[in-house]
PDB file of N, CA and C in Angstrom:
ATOM      1  N   UNK A   1      28.114  83.589 -19.494  1.00  0.00           N
ATOM      2  CA  UNK A   1      27.543  82.422 -20.032  1.00  0.00           C
ATOM      3  C   UNK A   1      28.581  81.275 -20.096  1.00  0.00           C
ATOM      4  N   UNK A   2      29.809  81.611 -20.313  1.00  0.00           N
ATOM      5  CA  UNK A   2      30.861  80.609 -20.367  1.00  0.00           C
ATOM      6  C   UNK A   2      30.981  79.877 -19.040  1.00  0.00           C
ATOM      7  N   UNK A   3      30.960  80.632 -17.911  1.00  0.00           N
ATOM      8  CA  UNK A   3      31.117  80.008 -16.645  1.00  0.00           C
ATOM      9  C   UNK A   3      29.934  79.108 -16.264  1.00  0.00           C
ATOM     10  N   UNK A   4      28.751  79.499 -16.782  1.00  0.00           N
ATOM     11  CA  UNK A   4      27.547  78.663 -16.575  1.00  0.00           C
ATOM     12  C   UNK A   4      27.762  77.290 -17.228  1.00  0.00           C
ATOM     13  N   UNK A   5      28.315  77.302 -18.435  1.00  0.00           N
ATOM     14  CA  UNK A   5      28.526  76.024 -19.178  1.00  0.00           C
ATOM     15  C   UNK A   5      29.623  75.212 -18.453  1.00  0.00           C
ATOM     16  N   UNK A   6      30.645  75.866 -17.948  1.00  0.00           N
ATOM     17  CA  UNK A   6      31.723  75.136 -17.215  1.00  0.00           C
ATOM     18  C   UNK A   6      31.166  74.535 -15.949  1.00  0.00           C
ATOM     19  N   UNK A   7      30.339  75.297 -15.239  1.00  0.00           N
ATOM     20  CA  UNK A   7      29.716  74.806 -14.019  1.00  0.00           C
ATOM     21  C   UNK A   7      28.748  73.655 -14.282  1.00  0.00           C
ATOM     22  N   UNK A   8      27.978  73.763 -15.354  1.00  0.00           N
ATOM     23  CA  UNK A   8      27.082  72.677 -15.695  1.00  0.00           C
ATOM     24  C   UNK A   8      27.870  71.416 -16.042  1.00  0.00           C
ATOM     25  N   UNK A   9      28.896  71.506 -16.773  1.00  0.00           N
ATOM     26  CA  UNK A   9      29.710  70.341 -17.147  1.00  0.00           C
ATOM     27  C   UNK A   9      30.390  69.745 -15.929  1.00  0.00           C
ATOM     28  N   UNK A  10      30.852  70.596 -15.046  1.00  0.00           N
ATOM     29  CA  UNK A  10      31.558  70.088 -13.855  1.00  0.00           C
ATOM     30  C   UNK A  10      30.599  69.363 -12.898  1.00  0.00           C
ATOM     31  N   UNK A  11      29.327  69.747 -12.920  1.00  0.00           N
ATOM     32  CA  UNK A  11      28.359  69.085 -12.079  1.00  0.00           C
ATOM     33  C   UNK A  11      27.798  67.817 -12.707  1.00  0.00           C
ATOM     34  N   UNK A  12      27.723  67.738 -13.960  1.00  0.00           N
ATOM     35  CA  UNK A  12      27.196  66.546 -14.670  1.00  0.00           C
ATOM     36  C   UNK A  12      28.289  65.478 -14.894  1.00  0.00           C
ATOM     37  N   UNK A  13      29.555  65.899 -14.961  1.00  0.00           N
ATOM     38  CA  UNK A  13      30.628  64.921 -15.252  1.00  0.00           C
ATOM     39  C   UNK A  13      30.641  63.741 -14.340  1.00  0.00           C
ATOM     40  N   UNK A  14      30.512  63.870 -13.029  1.00  0.00           N
ATOM     41  CA  UNK A  14      30.539  62.685 -12.152  1.00  0.00           C
ATOM     42  C   UNK A  14      29.370  61.719 -12.463  1.00  0.00           C
ATOM     43  N   UNK A  15      28.225  62.247 -12.801  1.00  0.00           N
ATOM     44  CA  UNK A  15      27.109  61.426 -13.140  1.00  0.00           C
ATOM     45  C   UNK A  15      27.350  60.650 -14.450  1.00  0.00           C
ATOM     46  N   UNK A  16      27.923  61.319 -15.401  1.00  0.00           N
ATOM     47  CA  UNK A  16      28.233  60.663 -16.687  1.00  0.00           C
ATOM     48  C   UNK A  16      29.273  59.553 -16.418  1.00  0.00           C
ATOM     49  N   UNK A  17      30.245  59.811 -15.573  1.00  0.00           N
ATOM     50  CA  UNK A  17      31.256  58.771 -15.249  1.00  0.00           C
ATOM     51  C   UNK A  17      30.586  57.553 -14.669  1.00  0.00           C
ATOM     52  N   UNK A  18      29.658  57.817 -13.686  1.00  0.00           N
ATOM     53  CA  UNK A  18      28.963  56.667 -13.044  1.00  0.00           C
ATOM     54  C   UNK A  18      28.138  55.880 -14.056  1.00  0.00           C
ATOM     55  N   UNK A  19      27.495  56.628 -14.950  1.00  0.00           N
ATOM     56  CA  UNK A  19      26.633  55.934 -15.998  1.00  0.00           C
ATOM     57  C   UNK A  19      27.495  55.010 -16.882  1.00  0.00           C
ATOM     58  N   UNK A  20      28.639  55.478 -17.300  1.00  0.00           N
ATOM     59  CA  UNK A  20      29.451  54.734 -18.277  1.00  0.00           C
ATOM     60  C   UNK A  20      30.333  53.677 -17.626  1.00  0.00           C
ATOM     61  N   UNK A  21      30.878  53.980 -16.450  1.00  0.00           N
ATOM     62  CA  UNK A  21      31.900  53.077 -15.861  1.00  0.00           C
ATOM     63  C   UNK A  21      31.412  52.372 -14.597  1.00  0.00           C
ATOM     64  N   UNK A  22      30.197  52.728 -14.100  1.00  0.00           N
ATOM     65  CA  UNK A  22      29.703  52.066 -12.909  1.00  0.00           C
ATOM     66  C   UNK A  22      29.335  50.608 -13.209  1.00  0.00           C
ATOM     67  N   UNK A  23      29.607  49.744 -12.220  1.00  0.00           N
ATOM     68  CA  UNK A  23      29.281  48.326 -12.381  1.00  0.00           C
ATOM     69  C   UNK A  23      28.390  47.873 -11.225  1.00  0.00           C
ATOM     70  N   UNK A  24      27.515  47.001 -11.465  1.00  0.00           N
ATOM     71  CA  UNK A  24      26.657  46.458 -10.414  1.00  0.00           C
ATOM     72  C   UNK A  24      25.924  47.558  -9.608  1.00  0.00           C
ATOM     73  N   UNK A  25      25.438  48.572 -10.357  1.00  0.00           N
ATOM     74  CA  UNK A  25      24.675  49.679  -9.733  1.00  0.00           C
ATOM     75  C   UNK A  25      23.209  49.397  -9.870  1.00  0.00           C
ATOM     76  N   UNK A  26      22.432  49.517  -8.796  1.00  0.00           N
ATOM     77  CA  UNK A  26      21.013  49.260  -8.853  1.00  0.00           C
ATOM     78  C   UNK A  26      20.287  50.217  -9.836  1.00  0.00           C
ATOM     79  N   UNK A  27      19.166  49.784 -10.324  1.00  0.00           N
ATOM     80  CA  UNK A  27      18.423  50.587 -11.361  1.00  0.00           C
ATOM     81  C   UNK A  27      17.992  51.961 -10.801  1.00  0.00           C
ATOM     82  N   UNK A  28      17.717  52.003  -9.509  1.00  0.00           N
ATOM     83  CA  UNK A  28      17.190  53.229  -8.912  1.00  0.00           C
ATOM     84  C   UNK A  28      18.240  54.301  -8.905  1.00  0.00           C
ATOM     85  N   UNK A  29      19.515  53.964  -8.927  1.00  0.00           N
ATOM     86  CA  UNK A  29      20.625  54.967  -8.979  1.00  0.00           C
ATOM     87  C   UNK A  29      20.557  55.668 -10.307  1.00  0.00           C
ATOM     88  N   UNK A  30      20.302  54.916 -11.368  1.00  0.00           N
ATOM     89  CA  UNK A  30      20.154  55.493 -12.692  1.00  0.00           C
ATOM     90  C   UNK A  30      18.946  56.473 -12.751  1.00  0.00           C
ATOM     91  N   UNK A  31      17.865  56.076 -12.023  1.00  0.00           N
ATOM     92  CA  UNK A  31      16.697  56.914 -12.008  1.00  0.00           C
ATOM     93  C   UNK A  31      16.974  58.241 -11.317  1.00  0.00           C
ATOM     94  N   UNK A  32      17.672  58.155 -10.149  1.00  0.00           N
ATOM     95  CA  UNK A  32      18.040  59.402  -9.432  1.00  0.00           C
ATOM     96  C   UNK A  32      18.898  60.279 -10.216  1.00  0.00           C
ATOM     97  N   UNK A  33      19.934  59.733 -10.959  1.00  0.00           N
ATOM     98  CA  UNK A  33      20.787  60.521 -11.827  1.00  0.00           C
ATOM     99  C   UNK A  33      19.952  61.185 -12.941  1.00  0.00           C
ATOM    100  N   UNK A  34      19.044  60.464 -13.528  1.00  0.00           N
ATOM    101  CA  UNK A  34      18.221  61.030 -14.617  1.00  0.00           C
ATOM    102  C   UNK A  34      17.353  62.156 -14.053  1.00  0.00           C
ATOM    103  N   UNK A  35      16.799  61.973 -12.870  1.00  0.00           N
ATOM    104  CA  UNK A  35      15.959  63.015 -12.254  1.00  0.00           C
ATOM    105  C   UNK A  35      16.795  64.278 -11.961  1.00  0.00           C
ATOM    106  N   UNK A  36      17.973  64.151 -11.419  1.00  0.00           N
ATOM    107  CA  UNK A  36      18.839  65.252 -11.094  1.00  0.00           C
ATOM    108  C   UNK A  36      19.291  66.018 -12.353  1.00  0.00           C
ATOM    109  N   UNK A  37      19.639  65.257 -13.407  1.00  0.00           N
ATOM    110  CA  UNK A  37      20.070  65.938 -14.603  1.00  0.00           C
ATOM    111  C   UNK A  37      18.853  66.599 -15.275  1.00  0.00           C
ATOM    112  N   UNK A  38      17.686  65.970 -15.247  1.00  0.00           N
ATOM    113  CA  UNK A  38      16.509  66.584 -15.823  1.00  0.00           C
ATOM    114  C   UNK A  38      16.093  67.846 -15.017  1.00  0.00           C
ATOM    115  N   UNK A  39      16.209  67.788 -13.754  1.00  0.00           N
ATOM    116  CA  UNK A  39      15.904  69.010 -12.935  1.00  0.00           C
ATOM    117  C   UNK A  39      16.820  70.130 -13.289  1.00  0.00           C
ATOM    118  N   UNK A  40      18.116  69.829 -13.430  1.00  0.00           N
ATOM    119  CA  UNK A  40      19.067  70.920 -13.800  1.00  0.00           C
ATOM    120  C   UNK A  40      18.793  71.491 -15.200  1.00  0.00           C
ATOM    121  N   UNK A  41      18.447  70.629 -16.118  1.00  0.00           N
ATOM    122  CA  UNK A  41      18.152  71.132 -17.464  1.00  0.00           C
ATOM    123  C   UNK A  41      16.858  71.984 -17.474  1.00  0.00           C
ATOM    124  N   UNK A  42      15.839  71.465 -16.732  1.00  0.00           N
ATOM    125  CA  UNK A  42      14.588  72.230 -16.670  1.00  0.00           C
ATOM    126  C   UNK A  42      14.817  73.582 -16.017  1.00  0.00           C
ATOM    127  N   UNK A  43      15.628  73.609 -14.946  1.00  0.00           N
ATOM    128  CA  UNK A  43      15.937  74.875 -14.278  1.00  0.00           C
ATOM    129  C   UNK A  43      16.668  75.862 -15.244  1.00  0.00           C
ATOM    130  N   UNK A  44      17.584  75.325 -16.019  1.00  0.00           N
ATOM    131  CA  UNK A  44      18.299  76.181 -16.961  1.00  0.00           C
ATOM    132  C   UNK A  44      17.324  76.726 -18.040  1.00  0.00           C
ATOM    133  N   UNK A  45      16.441  75.876 -18.564  1.00  0.00           N
ATOM    134  CA  UNK A  45      15.521  76.340 -19.506  1.00  0.00           C
ATOM    135  C   UNK A  45      14.607  77.408 -18.986  1.00  0.00           C
ATOM    136  N   UNK A  46      14.085  77.192 -17.747  1.00  0.00           N
ATOM    137  CA  UNK A  46      13.224  78.216 -17.183  1.00  0.00           C
ATOM    138  C   UNK A  46      13.945  79.540 -16.935  1.00  0.00           C
ATOM    139  N   UNK A  47      15.220  79.446 -16.517  1.00  0.00           N
ATOM    140  CA  UNK A  47      15.986  80.625 -16.316  1.00  0.00           C
ATOM    141  C   UNK A  47      16.244  81.384 -17.633  1.00  0.00           C
ATOM    142  N   UNK A  48      16.504  80.646 -18.674  1.00  0.00           N
ATOM    143  CA  UNK A  48      16.783  81.260 -19.980  1.00  0.00           C
ATOM    144  C   UNK A  48      15.499  81.907 -20.588  1.00  0.00           C
ATOM    145  N   UNK A  49      14.326  81.333 -20.311  1.00  0.00           N
ATOM    146  CA  UNK A  49      13.092  81.884 -20.848  1.00  0.00           C
ATOM    147  C   UNK A  49      12.529  82.991 -20.048  1.00  0.00           C
ATOM    148  N   UNK A  50      13.056  83.229 -18.822  1.00  0.00           N
ATOM    149  CA  UNK A  50      12.574  84.271 -17.964  1.00  0.00           C
ATOM    150  C   UNK A  50      12.870  85.647 -18.565  1.00  0.00           C
ATOM    151  N   UNK A  51      11.869  86.508 -18.484  1.00  0.00           N
ATOM    152  CA  UNK A  51      11.971  87.820 -19.075  1.00  0.00           C
ATOM    153  C   UNK A  51      12.791  88.740 -18.096  1.00  0.00           C
ATOM    154  N   UNK A  52      13.891  89.314 -18.555  1.00  0.00           N
ATOM    155  CA  UNK A  52      14.658  90.216 -17.709  1.00  0.00           C
ATOM    156  C   UNK A  52      13.900  91.414 -17.196  1.00  0.00           C
ATOM    157  N   UNK A  53      12.887  91.834 -17.973  1.00  0.00           N
ATOM    158  CA  UNK A  53      12.075  92.986 -17.515  1.00  0.00           C
ATOM    159  C   UNK A  53      11.323  92.662 -16.259  1.00  0.00           C
ATOM    160  N   UNK A  54      10.940  91.424 -16.048  1.00  0.00           N
ATOM    161  CA  UNK A  54      10.273  91.001 -14.815  1.00  0.00           C
ATOM    162  C   UNK A  54      11.114  91.242 -13.586  1.00  0.00           C
ATOM    163  N   UNK A  55      12.425  90.963 -13.701  1.00  0.00           N
ATOM    164  CA  UNK A  55      13.321  91.255 -12.603  1.00  0.00           C
ATOM    165  C   UNK A  55      13.411  92.710 -12.296  1.00  0.00           C
ATOM    166  N   UNK A  56      13.463  93.513 -13.360  1.00  0.00           N
ATOM    167  CA  UNK A  56      13.565  94.947 -13.132  1.00  0.00           C
ATOM    168  C   UNK A  56      12.311  95.546 -12.479  1.00  0.00           C
ATOM    169  N   UNK A  57      11.174  95.052 -12.948  1.00  0.00           N
ATOM    170  CA  UNK A  57       9.881  95.491 -12.313  1.00  0.00           C
ATOM    171  C   UNK A  57       9.789  95.054 -10.900  1.00  0.00           C
ATOM    172  N   UNK A  58      10.278  93.859 -10.570  1.00  0.00           N
ATOM    173  CA  UNK A  58      10.233  93.426  -9.177  1.00  0.00           C
ATOM    174  C   UNK A  58      11.113  94.242  -8.311  1.00  0.00           C
ATOM    175  N   UNK A  59      12.350  94.596  -8.814  1.00  0.00           N
ATOM    176  CA  UNK A  59      13.253  95.447  -8.054  1.00  0.00           C
ATOM    177  C   UNK A  59      12.691  96.810  -7.791  1.00  0.00           C
ATOM    178  N   UNK A  60      11.971  97.374  -8.777  1.00  0.00           N
ATOM    179  CA  UNK A  60      11.361  98.717  -8.594  1.00  0.00           C
ATOM    180  C   UNK A  60      10.263  98.631  -7.549  1.00  0.00           C
ATOM    181  N   UNK A  61       9.472  97.598  -7.549  1.00  0.00           N
ATOM    182  CA  UNK A  61       8.406  97.406  -6.535  1.00  0.00           C
ATOM    183  C   UNK A  61       8.991  97.290  -5.114  1.00  0.00           C
ATOM    184  N   UNK A  62      10.092  96.570  -5.018  1.00  0.00           N
ATOM    185  CA  UNK A  62      10.755  96.426  -3.686  1.00  0.00           C
ATOM    186  C   UNK A  62      11.372  97.772  -3.264  1.00  0.00           C
ATOM    187  N   UNK A  63      11.867  98.495  -4.149  1.00  0.00           N
ATOM    188  CA  UNK A  63      12.499  99.819  -3.832  1.00  0.00           C
ATOM    189  C   UNK A  63      11.379 100.778  -3.373  1.00  0.00           C
ATOM    190  N   UNK A  64      10.210 100.711  -3.989  1.00  0.00           N
ATOM    191  CA  UNK A  64       9.131 101.656  -3.630  1.00  0.00           C
ATOM    192  C   UNK A  64       8.595 101.398  -2.257  1.00  0.00           C
ATOM    193  N   UNK A  65       8.645 100.160  -1.815  1.00  0.00           N
ATOM    194  CA  UNK A  65       8.059  99.816  -0.485  1.00  0.00           C
ATOM    195  C   UNK A  65       8.968 100.259   0.619  1.00  0.00           C
TER     196      UNK A  65
END
């Protein structure tokens, strides 16, 4: 879990830098940054809510075939 947090911070840090220190950046760049960060957060939430038993059941089904 620690490395996931490090990876998440390392990927978002450049976006945060652009948001705070960028000058004369068009509005659509901020929109793209917001979409990318939102997609990452949504993906993390979905991954955390996923039931680990589903993965085990899927692996058993693949092994049986």
